[in-house]
Protein backbone atom coordinates (compact mmCIF):
# COMPACT_ATOMS: atom_id res chain seq x y z
CA UNK A 1 16.16 17.41 27.38
CA UNK A 2 17.76 13.99 28.39
CA UNK A 3 21.28 13.39 27.35
CA UNK A 4 21.76 9.95 26.13
CA UNK A 5 25.07 7.91 26.12
CA UNK A 6 26.27 6.37 22.75
CA UNK A 7 25.02 2.97 23.62
CA UNK A 8 21.70 4.27 24.74
CA UNK A 9 21.37 6.20 21.47
CA UNK A 10 22.05 3.22 19.49
CA UNK A 11 19.42 1.25 21.32
CA UNK A 12 16.95 4.18 20.99
CA UNK A 13 17.51 4.28 17.19
CA UNK A 14 17.19 0.45 16.91
CA UNK A 15 13.75 0.22 18.49
CA UNK A 16 11.49 -1.47 15.91
CA UNK A 17 8.40 0.47 17.15
CA UNK A 18 7.73 4.24 17.37
CA UNK A 19 8.95 5.61 20.69
CA UNK A 20 8.24 9.16 22.00
CA UNK A 21 9.71 10.70 25.09
CA UNK A 22 7.32 13.24 26.75
CA UNK A 23 8.30 15.95 29.17
CA UNK A 24 6.16 16.98 32.25
CA UNK A 25 4.14 19.29 30.16
CA UNK A 26 3.21 16.58 27.69
CA UNK A 27 5.31 17.89 24.90
CA UNK A 28 7.58 15.81 22.68
CA UNK A 29 11.15 16.06 23.99
CA UNK A 30 12.49 13.28 21.65
CA UNK A 31 11.53 10.52 19.35
CA UNK A 32 13.22 7.59 17.56
CA UNK A 33 13.56 7.08 13.88
CA UNK A 34 10.57 4.73 13.79
CA UNK A 35 8.36 7.43 15.28
CA UNK A 36 9.63 9.97 12.68
CA UNK A 37 8.31 7.57 10.13
CA UNK A 38 5.06 6.86 11.92
CA UNK A 39 4.37 10.73 12.20
CA UNK A 40 5.85 11.29 8.68
CA UNK A 41 7.84 14.35 10.02
CA UNK A 42 11.33 14.92 11.34
CA UNK A 43 12.25 14.92 14.95
CA UNK A 44 13.52 18.50 14.55
CA UNK A 45 10.04 19.75 13.59
CA UNK A 46 8.22 17.59 16.09
CA UNK A 47 10.30 18.28 19.23
CA UNK A 48 8.58 20.83 21.57
CA UNK A 49 4.97 20.31 20.18
CA UNK A 50 2.18 19.07 22.37
CA UNK A 51 1.69 15.32 21.97
CA UNK A 52 -2.09 15.66 21.64
CA UNK A 53 -1.67 18.07 18.75
CA UNK A 54 0.28 15.59 16.70
CA UNK A 55 -1.47 12.28 17.86
CA UNK A 56 -5.13 11.34 17.76
CA UNK A 57 -6.18 8.46 20.07
CA UNK A 58 -9.64 7.04 19.92
CA UNK A 59 -9.66 6.77 23.76
CA UNK A 60 -9.78 9.58 26.40
CA UNK A 61 -6.14 9.16 27.67
CA UNK A 62 -5.36 12.45 29.26
CA UNK A 63 -6.77 11.75 32.67
CA UNK A 64 -5.18 8.21 32.76
CA UNK A 65 -1.78 9.57 31.67
CA UNK A 66 -1.98 12.24 34.41
CA UNK A 67 -2.78 9.67 36.99
CA UNK A 68 0.07 7.42 35.82
CA UNK A 69 2.49 10.25 35.91
CA UNK A 70 1.42 11.25 39.55
CA UNK A 71 1.74 7.73 40.76
CA UNK A 72 4.81 6.82 38.83
CA UNK A 73 3.10 3.74 37.16
CA UNK A 74 2.87 2.40 33.74
CA UNK A 75 -0.15 2.66 31.39
CA UNK A 76 -1.23 0.04 28.85
CA UNK A 77 -3.89 0.78 26.20
CA UNK A 78 -4.69 -2.02 23.68
CA UNK A 79 -6.58 -2.04 20.37
CA UNK A 80 -7.25 1.62 19.83
CA UNK A 81 -7.25 3.71 16.63
CA UNK A 82 -4.20 6.00 16.52
CA UNK A 83 -3.89 8.61 13.75
CA UNK A 84 -1.47 11.47 13.05
CA UNK A 85 -3.37 13.53 10.63
CA UNK A 86 -1.23 12.61 7.66
CA UNK A 87 -2.62 9.02 7.24
CA UNK A 88 -5.66 7.05 8.18
CA UNK A 89 -5.77 5.61 11.86
CA UNK A 90 -4.04 2.28 12.52
CA UNK A 91 -5.10 -0.13 15.32
CA UNK A 92 -2.30 0.13 17.89
CA UNK A 93 -1.25 -0.93 21.40
CA UNK A 94 0.16 1.88 23.52
CA UNK A 95 2.54 1.46 26.34
CA UNK A 96 3.46 4.47 28.51
CA UNK A 97 5.85 4.28 31.41
CA UNK A 98 7.66 6.69 33.70
CA UNK A 99 11.29 7.45 33.08
CA UNK A 100 13.41 6.45 36.08
CA UNK A 101 15.08 9.38 37.83
CA UNK A 102 13.07 11.99 35.86
CA UNK A 103 9.93 12.97 37.67
CA UNK A 104 7.07 13.66 35.15
CA UNK A 105 8.88 12.33 32.15
CA UNK A 106 7.04 9.52 30.34
CA UNK A 107 8.04 7.19 27.53
CA UNK A 108 5.35 6.22 25.05
CA UNK A 109 5.75 3.01 22.74
CA UNK A 110 3.33 2.86 19.78
CA UNK A 111 2.94 -0.64 18.32
CA UNK A 112 0.75 -0.75 15.10
CA UNK A 113 -0.84 -4.21 15.31
CA UNK A 114 -2.60 -4.44 11.98
CA UNK A 115 0.48 -3.34 9.82
CA UNK A 116 2.92 -5.73 11.73
CA UNK A 117 0.41 -8.61 11.33
CA UNK A 118 0.09 -8.08 7.70
CA UNK A 119 3.74 -7.86 7.10
CA UNK A 120 4.83 -11.04 8.89
CA UNK A 121 2.12 -12.89 6.82
CA UNK A 122 2.63 -11.15 3.53
CA UNK A 123 5.03 -13.74 1.83
CA UNK A 124 3.14 -16.91 2.78
CA UNK A 125 -0.08 -15.43 1.75
CA UNK A 126 1.44 -14.35 -1.70
CA UNK A 127 3.01 -17.71 -2.17
CA UNK A 128 -0.39 -19.42 -1.76
CA UNK A 129 -1.86 -16.85 -4.24
CA UNK A 130 0.91 -17.69 -6.84
CA UNK A 131 0.12 -21.45 -6.40
CA UNK A 132 -3.59 -20.81 -7.06
CA UNK A 133 -2.68 -18.61 -10.07
CA UNK A 134 -0.44 -21.52 -11.48
CA UNK A 135 -3.36 -23.76 -11.34
CA UNK A 136 -5.71 -21.20 -12.97
CA UNK A 137 -3.05 -20.74 -15.79
CA UNK A 138 -3.20 -24.38 -16.62
CA UNK A 139 -6.94 -24.34 -16.68
CA UNK A 140 -7.07 -21.29 -18.81
CA UNK A 141 -4.89 -22.84 -21.38
CA UNK A 142 -7.22 -25.92 -21.60
CA UNK A 143 -10.52 -23.94 -21.57
CA UNK A 144 -9.65 -21.53 -24.39
CA UNK A 145 -9.68 -24.09 -27.16
CA UNK A 146 -13.32 -25.32 -26.50
CA UNK A 147 -14.53 -21.78 -26.04
CA UNK A 148 -13.24 -20.91 -29.44
CA UNK A 149 -15.19 -23.88 -30.87
CA UNK A 150 -18.36 -22.78 -28.99
CA UNK A 151 -18.09 -19.12 -30.44
CA UNK A 152 -17.45 -20.45 -33.89
CA UNK A 153 -20.50 -22.83 -33.72
CA UNK A 154 -22.70 -20.01 -32.61
CA UNK A 155 -21.61 -17.75 -35.45
CA UNK A 156 -22.47 -20.54 -37.82
CA UNK A 157 -25.88 -21.04 -36.30
CA UNK A 158 -26.58 -17.28 -36.58
CA UNK A 159 -26.27 -17.38 -40.38
CA UNK A 160 -29.50 -19.40 -40.64
CA UNK A 161 -31.58 -17.73 -37.95
CA UNK A 162 -34.20 -15.05 -38.11
CA UNK A 163 -33.35 -11.45 -36.87
CA UNK A 164 -35.34 -12.13 -33.58
CA UNK A 165 -33.26 -15.28 -32.70
CA UNK A 166 -29.99 -13.62 -33.39
CA UNK A 167 -29.94 -12.14 -29.82
CA UNK A 168 -29.23 -15.51 -28.34
CA UNK A 169 -26.24 -16.42 -30.60
CA UNK A 170 -24.94 -12.88 -30.20
CA UNK A 171 -24.98 -13.40 -26.44
CA UNK A 172 -23.07 -16.61 -26.66
CA UNK A 173 -20.46 -15.10 -28.92
CA UNK A 174 -20.08 -12.03 -26.54
CA UNK A 175 -19.84 -14.08 -23.42
CA UNK A 176 -17.36 -16.57 -24.80
CA UNK A 177 -15.13 -13.60 -25.92
CA UNK A 178 -15.51 -12.09 -22.43
CA UNK A 179 -14.28 -15.41 -20.92
CA UNK A 180 -11.39 -15.66 -23.37
CA UNK A 181 -10.30 -12.23 -22.39
CA UNK A 182 -10.50 -13.16 -18.76
CA UNK A 183 -8.32 -16.28 -19.36
CA UNK A 184 -5.79 -14.30 -21.24
CA UNK A 185 -5.36 -11.95 -18.12
CA UNK A 186 -5.03 -15.06 -15.95
CA UNK A 187 -2.20 -16.45 -18.42
CA UNK A 188 -0.42 -12.98 -18.07
CA UNK A 189 0.58 -13.80 -14.55
CA UNK A 190 2.56 -16.70 -15.85
CA UNK A 191 3.99 -14.95 -18.80
CA UNK A 192 5.31 -11.90 -16.81
CA UNK A 193 9.02 -12.05 -16.81
CA UNK A 194 11.17 -11.56 -13.69
CA UNK A 195 11.80 -7.79 -13.30
CA UNK A 196 14.94 -6.42 -15.11
CA UNK A 197 16.03 -4.50 -12.03
CA UNK A 198 18.21 -1.34 -12.34
CA UNK A 199 18.46 2.20 -10.95
CA UNK A 200 15.01 3.86 -11.58
CA UNK A 201 14.10 7.52 -11.00
CA UNK A 202 10.58 6.86 -9.65
CA UNK A 203 9.49 10.40 -10.52
CA UNK A 204 10.18 9.61 -14.25
CA UNK A 205 7.85 6.54 -13.85
CA UNK A 206 5.07 8.62 -12.23
CA UNK A 207 5.38 11.39 -14.76
CA UNK A 208 5.01 8.82 -17.69
CA UNK A 209 1.94 7.42 -15.96
CA UNK A 210 0.54 10.82 -15.41
CA UNK A 211 0.92 12.08 -18.94
CA UNK A 212 -0.49 8.80 -20.36
CA UNK A 213 -3.60 8.99 -18.08
CA UNK A 214 -4.25 12.69 -18.84
CA UNK A 215 -4.34 11.77 -22.56
CA UNK A 216 -6.75 8.92 -22.01
CA UNK A 217 -8.69 7.34 -19.20
CA UNK A 218 -7.79 10.18 -16.79
CA UNK A 219 -8.52 13.08 -18.89
CA UNK A 220 -11.42 14.03 -16.62
CA UNK A 221 -9.24 14.05 -13.54
CA UNK A 222 -6.89 16.40 -11.87
CA UNK A 223 -3.65 14.74 -11.14
CA UNK A 224 -1.41 16.45 -8.63
CA UNK A 225 2.26 15.94 -8.32
CA UNK A 226 3.56 16.03 -4.60
CA UNK A 227 7.21 14.75 -4.85
CA UNK A 228 10.02 14.72 -2.56
CA UNK A 229 12.84 15.92 -4.94
CA UNK A 230 15.58 14.50 -2.84
CA UNK A 231 14.25 10.97 -3.17
CA UNK A 232 17.08 8.57 -4.16
CA UNK A 233 16.99 5.97 -6.97
CA UNK A 234 14.76 2.97 -6.59
CA UNK A 235 15.81 -0.55 -7.54
CA UNK A 236 13.27 -1.91 -10.04
CA UNK A 237 12.07 -2.54 -13.52
CA UNK A 238 10.80 0.78 -14.91
CA UNK A 239 8.34 -0.87 -17.29
CA UNK A 240 6.77 -3.09 -14.73
CA UNK A 241 6.65 -0.26 -12.27
CA UNK A 242 4.88 1.84 -14.85
CA UNK A 243 2.40 -1.06 -15.35
CA UNK A 244 1.70 -0.76 -11.59
CA UNK A 245 1.22 2.88 -11.46
CA UNK A 246 -0.89 3.10 -14.49
CA UNK A 247 -3.23 0.38 -13.13
CA UNK A 248 -3.64 2.21 -9.80
CA UNK A 249 -4.27 5.59 -11.51
CA UNK A 250 -6.79 3.96 -13.92
CA UNK A 251 -8.65 2.41 -10.94
CA UNK A 252 -8.81 5.82 -9.18
CA UNK A 253 -10.03 7.48 -12.43
CA UNK A 254 -12.73 4.92 -12.80
CA UNK A 255 -13.92 5.26 -9.25
CA UNK A 256 -14.26 9.02 -9.41
CA UNK A 257 -17.42 10.89 -10.04
CA UNK A 258 -18.20 11.34 -13.77
CA UNK A 259 -17.50 15.01 -13.25
CA UNK A 260 -14.02 14.38 -12.28
CA UNK A 261 -11.84 14.28 -9.04
CA UNK A 262 -8.38 14.63 -7.83
CA UNK A 263 -5.54 12.12 -7.75
CA UNK A 264 -2.48 12.95 -5.81
CA UNK A 265 0.87 11.25 -6.64
CA UNK A 266 2.94 11.55 -3.47
CA UNK A 267 6.48 10.39 -2.82
CA UNK A 268 8.56 10.60 0.47
CA UNK A 269 11.41 8.86 2.19
CA UNK A 270 10.75 6.75 5.39
CA UNK A 271 14.05 5.38 6.55
CA UNK A 272 12.57 3.41 9.36
CA UNK A 273 10.23 1.33 7.21
CA UNK A 274 11.15 -2.23 7.21
CA UNK A 275 9.49 -5.40 5.93
CA UNK A 276 9.76 -8.33 8.34
CA UNK A 277 9.47 -11.60 6.39
CA UNK A 278 8.18 -14.93 7.63
CA UNK A 279 11.78 -16.10 8.00
CA UNK A 280 12.55 -13.20 10.34
CA UNK A 281 14.77 -11.34 7.97
CA UNK A 282 14.24 -7.71 7.64
CA UNK A 283 14.24 -5.69 4.40
CA UNK A 284 14.55 -1.98 4.23
CA UNK A 285 11.91 -0.36 1.93
CA UNK A 286 12.46 3.41 2.50
CA UNK A 287 11.03 4.71 -0.92
CA UNK A 288 7.29 5.50 -0.58
CA UNK A 289 4.89 6.11 -3.35
CA UNK A 290 1.37 6.98 -2.56
CA UNK A 291 -1.55 7.17 -5.12
CA UNK A 292 -4.37 9.13 -3.30
CA UNK A 293 -7.80 9.77 -4.72
CA UNK A 294 -10.97 11.37 -3.39
CA UNK A 295 -13.40 8.76 -4.57
CA UNK A 296 -15.97 6.77 -2.79
CA UNK A 297 -13.55 4.32 -1.27
CA UNK A 298 -13.29 0.43 -1.45
CA UNK A 299 -16.37 -1.61 -0.48
CA UNK A 300 -16.13 -2.64 3.06
CA UNK A 301 -16.65 -6.44 2.44
CA UNK A 302 -13.58 -6.79 0.16
CA UNK A 303 -11.22 -4.25 1.62
CA UNK A 304 -8.98 -6.84 3.24
CA UNK A 305 -8.84 -9.10 0.18
CA UNK A 306 -8.53 -6.53 -2.53
CA UNK A 307 -5.09 -7.91 -3.72
CA UNK A 308 -6.30 -11.50 -4.05
CA UNK A 309 -7.12 -12.82 -7.45
CA UNK A 310 -10.75 -12.57 -8.71
CA UNK A 311 -11.73 -10.11 -5.94
CA UNK A 312 -13.11 -6.86 -7.55
CA UNK A 313 -15.23 -3.90 -6.39
CA UNK A 314 -16.18 -3.05 -10.03
CA UNK A 315 -19.17 -4.34 -11.79
CA UNK A 316 -18.04 -6.95 -14.30
CA UNK A 317 -14.49 -6.56 -12.94
CA UNK A 318 -12.08 -9.45 -13.40
CA UNK A 319 -10.32 -8.86 -10.14
CA UNK A 320 -6.93 -9.50 -11.61
CA UNK A 321 -5.59 -6.08 -11.99
CA UNK A 322 -4.54 -5.49 -8.30
CA UNK A 323 -3.55 -9.08 -7.93
CA UNK A 324 -1.02 -8.53 -10.75
CA UNK A 325 -0.01 -5.28 -9.20
CA UNK A 326 0.73 -7.10 -5.89
CA UNK A 327 2.65 -9.82 -7.74
CA UNK A 328 4.90 -7.29 -9.46
CA UNK A 329 5.62 -5.39 -6.21
CA UNK A 330 6.26 -8.79 -4.40
CA UNK A 331 8.74 -9.58 -7.25
CA UNK A 332 10.57 -6.38 -6.57
CA UNK A 333 10.87 -7.37 -2.93
CA UNK A 334 8.58 -4.49 -1.98
CA UNK A 335 5.29 -3.94 -0.14
CA UNK A 336 1.91 -2.63 -1.22
CA UNK A 337 -0.92 -1.70 1.17
CA UNK A 338 -4.27 0.23 1.03
CA UNK A 339 -6.11 2.46 3.40
CA UNK A 340 -9.65 3.42 2.28
CA UNK A 341 -12.38 5.46 3.61
CA UNK A 342 -15.07 7.34 1.81
CA UNK A 343 -13.50 10.36 0.12
CA UNK A 344 -9.89 9.17 0.67
CA UNK A 345 -8.27 6.02 -0.78
CA UNK A 346 -4.43 5.61 -0.42
CA UNK A 347 -2.50 2.80 -2.13
CA UNK A 348 1.02 2.92 -0.82
CA UNK A 349 3.99 1.22 -2.51
CA UNK A 350 7.30 0.77 -0.47
CA UNK A 351 10.40 -0.09 -2.48
CA UNK A 352 13.99 -0.84 -1.82
CA UNK A 353 16.73 1.80 -2.60
CA UNK A 354 19.16 1.07 -5.33
CA UNK A 355 22.26 -0.67 -3.75
CA UNK A 356 25.56 0.89 -4.10
CA UNK A 357 26.90 -2.19 -6.13
CA UNK A 358 24.24 -1.50 -8.80
CA UNK A 359 25.32 2.23 -8.98
CA UNK A 360 29.08 1.21 -9.34
CA UNK A 361 28.33 -1.36 -12.07
CA UNK A 362 26.14 1.12 -13.99
């Protein structure tokens, strides 16, 4: 094991990307906090394990790494899928370099490109979405009145029609009501008040959502609790967070086979998870909530836009449910992402921890 000076330890812990120290036998000798988060396991548990037992890279690296170790040269591998077994693979750049003065020792840096890119752009994208929603709210208000008139006129017409002709007026009434319902959902974005943030036990929120789902839309599902009992309090609005979880669980239930499926509610603490905003500021979001289902997964053509308004993978879906979820989480200064392949879809919510000042005032 390499002994690090205090200054080196501070630098090691401050690295924003996962860093892994490998011994000459390609076993994990040490890793920084960002790497603990990436592997979703503690350094104590990972130390001494062969790196290739814990890391799956979609590229044959063993020979290249052995050559770099023999020659004392660095190895760069860009745009490869890197997985850990506990989460779907991420597109990453790998940088592996020899450790000066320690023959055979190598330092591996893992840079998740896709996640970093989405984070730095998240707030500018969501601001644009909010502007579009604001315009939609104005249009919704103006359109609802004439629609009510159209529906009323169709109902009056139906009173003098033969039975065979009623199908057309019934269609007009049904479609106008559907459009009004859609417009009301659009208006909900503007009517949603700012979150009343306080200390929240996120497990209480998940339990409320689970009980509600099992009594209604999720009665055909098996909902599994997989909680970290040591998770500290979150900082948020319990009712709005319940709305988010209910929406995600409902989507998972509707996506499942008619015979049922499994939904896992998973929580854990990832102290190295930070959201880098467009202005360069960092926000710590250590509380992680995952809603995992074994359904067919999201359609490939909308996977990257699933949180945008009016994008839906459901037949006759409005595409507003997940946009509202994204707005609520954004208003909580949080982050939501999704990874989806057939048989496994994971919606992950990252939230801030309740600040000390909130605890003292409470």
